[in-house]
Amino acid sequence: MGQVPGPRILVHMDTESFRVMETPGAGETARMTTAELRRNFLVADLFEPGRMNLVYTDLDRLLVGGICPESEIPLPAPRELGTRFFTERREVGIMNLGEPGTVLAGRKRYTLEHLDCLYIGMGEAEVVFEAPSGTRPAFYLASAPAHRAYPTRLLSRNQVQGNAMGDAPHANRRRIHKYIAPGIIESCQLVMGFTELEEGSVWNTMPPHTHGRRSEIYLYFDLGDGLVFHFMGTPDNTRHLVMREREVALSPSWSLHTGAGTKNYRFLWVMAGENQEFADIDPVAPGALA
């Protein structure tokens, strides 16, 4: 078998990198080595001090990135987007995983505390990430194509209650926190939030499922020195990725997804596709897995 291509790095400067990742299909994925799986479905080193790292995917044209400003880092206009500025035909969701930081969107400056979320609608030409007073924010950015402009909105962590799911006997007690979703922060197609597992629970989605009408991207965080085994592939030919702190797993619409950790943890999920229905899934019975 020939070498399976990995991401293409199109821009790599002192403060910015832009990568394009084209995910293989189910048949090709079934024959991949561990190294090839990691090269094509796992994104590491997204968060680096003083840098913005952006990854453009073919999963419903979702784009994700890590921004760790030490002063100011503006959102660029990569040639691959084919627009005059980043949000000319895109919407953006931003979650702060670090210390407090600010985002300038147009003429207004927004302060994001830890786990606050900012939605920026289509058409906001100027977006700048800032680290005031020597703080160390770690902004996670997700972006999808948009067809209309929704208002820019900030939602703080203490405004999101979360929905409890799972049970202790199956080690999957977890709470789902929705930020960008219908009825909360309105968007064209972007859906964004995070799930946190209770102490003693390790499974993030069990039984597993697929949703052929949407793609999904996972960012695992608050693992510490723990690991998560992220399962992917087709139900009759499962594969896995070993995930570490702040690593990203790309999940095509054809792939199942579930995971188990060595301890409890959090993961941030982003989806885009045909609809925004969180419950629009195709369950996979555990007995059908191979």
Foldseek 3Di string as FASTA:
>chain_A
DDDDDAWDWDDDDPAETEIEAEADDQVVVLPDDQVSQCRRFKDPPQEDARHKYKYFYPFLRKIKGKHWHQFKDKQAADVVVVDPADQQFKKKKKFKQFAWWWKDFAPDIDIAGHGKMKIFWHDRRTIMTGDPPRGTIIMMMMMHTADDTDHIDIGHPVNWDFDWDDDLVQLATKTWTWADAPPHRDGRFKTKTKMWGDWNHFKHDPPKWAFLFKWKKKFWAPQVQKWKWKWKHAQARIDTHIDDHGMMGTHHRRMIIMIGMPTITMMMMMMGGDHRDPPRIGGDHNVSHD
